[in-house]
Amino acid sequence: MTLRLCKITTTALSFLYLLVVVFNNLTDPNSNYQFVRHVLSMDTTFPGNTLMYRSIHAPFLHKAFYATIIGWEALCCALIGAGTLRLWKARNLPPPEWRRAKGLASLGLTAGLVQWYFAFMAVGGEWFLMWQSKIWNGQDAAFRLFAFMGLSLLFLNQPDE
C-alpha cells in the first residue's frame, strides 16, 4: 500500500505542476508568448548562422505555436489529473485492477514526455537553434521536466506486488 501511495503522489505532482503551468500561461500569456516568439524568430541565435531560413516571423504562427503548446499542456494535465484520480480510487484494489488503473496516468505522462522532448528539445532546441540563445533557452528546464516525468512514468509502471 505504501508504494502505491508513493506512486499516486509522484503522479499527482506532475498534475499539480502542469496545472500551475497552464494557469500561468492563461493568466499571464505575454511572458511565455515572448519566449515562443523569440525562439521561432531565432533573433538571439549566433550572428551569421546559415540556418536562419528556418526562422518564422509571422505573429499569427507564433500565436498558433503558443496556443498549441498551452493546449498540449492542458491535455497532459487533464490526462494526468484523471489518471491520478483513477489511481487513488484503485489504491486498495487487487493487482490486476491496480495495473489497469495506471493506463490514463501513463498516457498523460507519455504525452508530457512528447512535449518536453519533441516540442522543446528537438523542435525548439535543435530546429530553431534555441541552444544558441543565452536569453531564450529553455532546454535545461525542458530536460528537467522530461526527466521528472520520465522517472515518474518508470516508477509508476514498476511492479509493486
Protein backbone atom coordinates (compact mmCIF):
# COMPACT_ATOMS: atom_id res chain seq x y z
CA MET A 1 0.00 0.00 0.00
CA THR A 2 2.82 2.43 0.81
CA LEU A 3 4.37 2.00 -2.61
CA ARG A 4 1.02 2.64 -4.28
CA LEU A 5 0.61 5.86 -2.30
CA CYS A 6 4.12 6.92 -3.36
CA LYS A 7 3.20 6.31 -6.99
CA ILE A 8 -0.03 8.27 -6.64
CA THR A 9 1.85 11.14 -5.00
CA THR A 10 4.51 11.26 -7.69
CA THR A 11 1.88 11.24 -10.41
CA ALA A 12 -0.14 13.92 -8.61
CA LEU A 13 2.95 16.16 -8.53
CA SER A 14 3.10 16.15 -12.34
CA PHE A 15 -0.60 17.05 -12.44
CA LEU A 16 -0.14 19.90 -9.96
CA TYR A 17 2.92 21.21 -11.79
CA LEU A 18 1.10 21.26 -15.13
CA LEU A 19 -1.96 22.83 -13.50
CA VAL A 20 0.23 25.77 -12.41
CA VAL A 21 1.90 25.95 -15.84
CA VAL A 22 -1.43 26.09 -17.66
CA PHE A 23 -2.79 28.61 -15.15
CA ASN A 24 0.28 30.82 -15.60
CA ASN A 25 0.08 30.64 -19.38
CA LEU A 26 -3.59 31.57 -19.35
CA THR A 27 -3.35 34.38 -16.79
CA ASP A 28 -0.04 35.87 -17.98
CA PRO A 29 0.09 34.86 -21.64
CA ASN A 30 2.58 37.50 -22.72
CA SER A 31 5.52 36.19 -20.67
CA ASN A 32 5.79 32.81 -22.36
CA TYR A 33 4.48 34.15 -25.66
CA GLN A 34 7.63 36.30 -25.83
CA PHE A 35 9.69 33.17 -25.30
CA VAL A 36 7.95 31.39 -28.19
CA ARG A 37 8.21 34.47 -30.41
CA HIS A 38 11.95 34.85 -29.87
CA VAL A 39 12.68 31.14 -30.31
CA LEU A 40 10.71 30.96 -33.57
CA SER A 41 12.20 34.22 -34.83
CA MET A 42 15.68 32.94 -33.97
CA ASP A 43 16.62 36.54 -33.23
CA THR A 44 19.05 35.69 -30.43
CA THR A 45 20.93 32.85 -32.13
CA PHE A 46 24.57 33.18 -33.17
CA PRO A 47 25.10 36.02 -35.64
CA GLY A 48 25.52 34.91 -39.24
CA ASN A 49 24.35 31.31 -38.75
CA THR A 50 23.33 29.75 -42.05
CA LEU A 51 20.14 28.19 -40.70
CA MET A 52 18.19 31.44 -40.36
CA TYR A 53 15.96 30.36 -43.26
CA ARG A 54 14.11 28.32 -40.62
CA SER A 55 13.05 31.39 -38.66
CA ILE A 56 9.38 32.31 -38.51
CA HIS A 57 8.42 35.97 -38.24
CA ALA A 58 4.65 35.76 -38.68
CA PRO A 59 2.89 36.70 -35.42
CA PHE A 60 -0.13 34.53 -36.23
CA LEU A 61 2.19 31.49 -36.44
CA HIS A 62 3.83 32.47 -33.16
CA LYS A 63 0.37 32.58 -31.58
CA ALA A 64 -0.60 29.26 -33.19
CA PHE A 65 2.54 27.59 -31.82
CA TYR A 66 1.91 29.08 -28.40
CA ALA A 67 -1.76 28.03 -28.37
CA THR A 68 -0.72 24.51 -29.37
CA ILE A 69 1.79 24.37 -26.52
CA ILE A 70 -0.82 25.53 -23.99
CA GLY A 71 -3.39 23.12 -25.40
CA TRP A 72 -0.96 20.20 -25.19
CA GLU A 73 -0.02 21.16 -21.62
CA ALA A 74 -3.72 21.30 -20.71
CA LEU A 75 -4.32 17.90 -22.31
CA CYS A 76 -1.38 16.38 -20.39
CA CYS A 77 -2.65 17.99 -17.19
CA ALA A 78 -6.17 16.62 -17.70
CA LEU A 79 -4.92 13.11 -18.50
CA ILE A 80 -2.52 13.00 -15.56
CA GLY A 81 -5.14 14.50 -13.22
CA ALA A 82 -7.78 11.98 -14.28
CA GLY A 83 -5.16 9.24 -14.08
CA THR A 84 -4.20 10.28 -10.56
CA LEU A 85 -7.85 10.16 -9.52
CA ARG A 86 -8.20 6.72 -11.10
CA LEU A 87 -5.09 5.53 -9.23
CA TRP A 88 -6.46 6.90 -5.97
CA LYS A 89 -9.73 5.03 -6.46
CA ALA A 90 -7.83 1.80 -7.29
CA ARG A 91 -5.33 2.04 -4.41
CA ASN A 92 -6.99 -0.79 -2.44
CA LEU A 93 -7.94 -2.97 -5.40
CA PRO A 94 -6.25 -6.25 -6.34
CA PRO A 95 -3.09 -6.06 -8.50
CA PRO A 96 -4.76 -6.63 -11.91
CA GLU A 97 -7.17 -3.73 -11.38
CA TRP A 98 -4.38 -1.53 -9.98
CA ARG A 99 -2.28 -2.22 -13.08
CA ARG A 100 -5.21 -1.30 -15.36
CA ALA A 101 -5.71 1.93 -13.41
CA LYS A 102 -2.19 3.05 -14.38
CA GLY A 103 -3.13 3.48 -18.06
CA LEU A 104 -4.50 7.01 -18.09
CA ALA A 105 -1.71 8.45 -15.95
CA SER A 106 0.85 6.63 -18.11
CA LEU A 107 -0.73 8.13 -21.23
CA GLY A 108 -0.63 11.63 -19.73
CA LEU A 109 2.97 11.31 -18.58
CA THR A 110 3.98 9.99 -22.01
CA ALA A 111 2.21 12.93 -23.67
CA GLY A 112 4.24 15.20 -21.38
CA LEU A 113 7.44 13.46 -22.47
CA VAL A 114 6.47 14.08 -26.09
CA GLN A 115 6.01 17.77 -25.40
CA TRP A 116 9.21 18.37 -23.47
CA TYR A 117 11.40 16.15 -25.64
CA PHE A 118 9.96 16.71 -29.10
CA ALA A 119 8.49 20.22 -28.97
CA PHE A 120 11.03 21.88 -26.71
CA MET A 121 14.27 19.96 -27.09
CA ALA A 122 14.02 18.72 -30.70
CA VAL A 123 11.96 21.41 -32.44
CA GLY A 124 12.81 24.44 -30.29
CA GLY A 125 16.27 23.38 -29.23
CA GLU A 126 17.61 21.96 -32.47
CA TRP A 127 15.42 23.09 -35.38
CA PHE A 128 15.10 26.69 -34.15
CA LEU A 129 18.56 26.59 -32.52
CA MET A 130 17.34 27.61 -29.09
CA TRP A 131 20.59 26.19 -27.69
CA GLN A 132 22.42 29.13 -29.26
CA SER A 133 20.47 31.71 -27.26
CA LYS A 134 21.73 32.87 -23.88
CA ILE A 135 18.43 34.65 -23.22
CA TRP A 136 15.66 32.45 -24.68
CA ASN A 137 16.99 28.96 -23.99
CA GLY A 138 14.57 26.61 -22.28
CA GLN A 139 16.44 23.36 -22.85
CA ASP A 140 17.57 22.92 -19.25
CA ALA A 141 14.01 23.38 -17.98
CA ALA A 142 12.66 21.08 -20.69
CA PHE A 143 15.19 18.41 -19.76
CA ARG A 144 14.31 18.67 -16.06
CA LEU A 145 10.62 18.21 -16.87
CA PHE A 146 11.35 15.37 -19.28
CA ALA A 147 13.48 13.65 -16.63
CA PHE A 148 10.95 14.13 -13.83
CA MET A 149 8.01 12.90 -15.90
CA GLY A 150 10.08 10.07 -17.35
CA LEU A 151 11.17 8.91 -13.91
CA SER A 152 7.58 9.24 -12.70
CA LEU A 153 6.37 7.11 -15.62
CA LEU A 154 9.02 4.46 -14.95
CA PHE A 155 8.29 4.44 -11.22
CA LEU A 156 4.54 4.23 -11.77
CA ASN A 157 4.92 1.21 -14.04
CA GLN A 158 7.37 -0.74 -11.90
CA PRO A 159 5.81 -3.90 -10.47
CA ASP A 160 4.72 -3.38 -6.89
CA GLU A 161 3.02 -6.62 -5.97
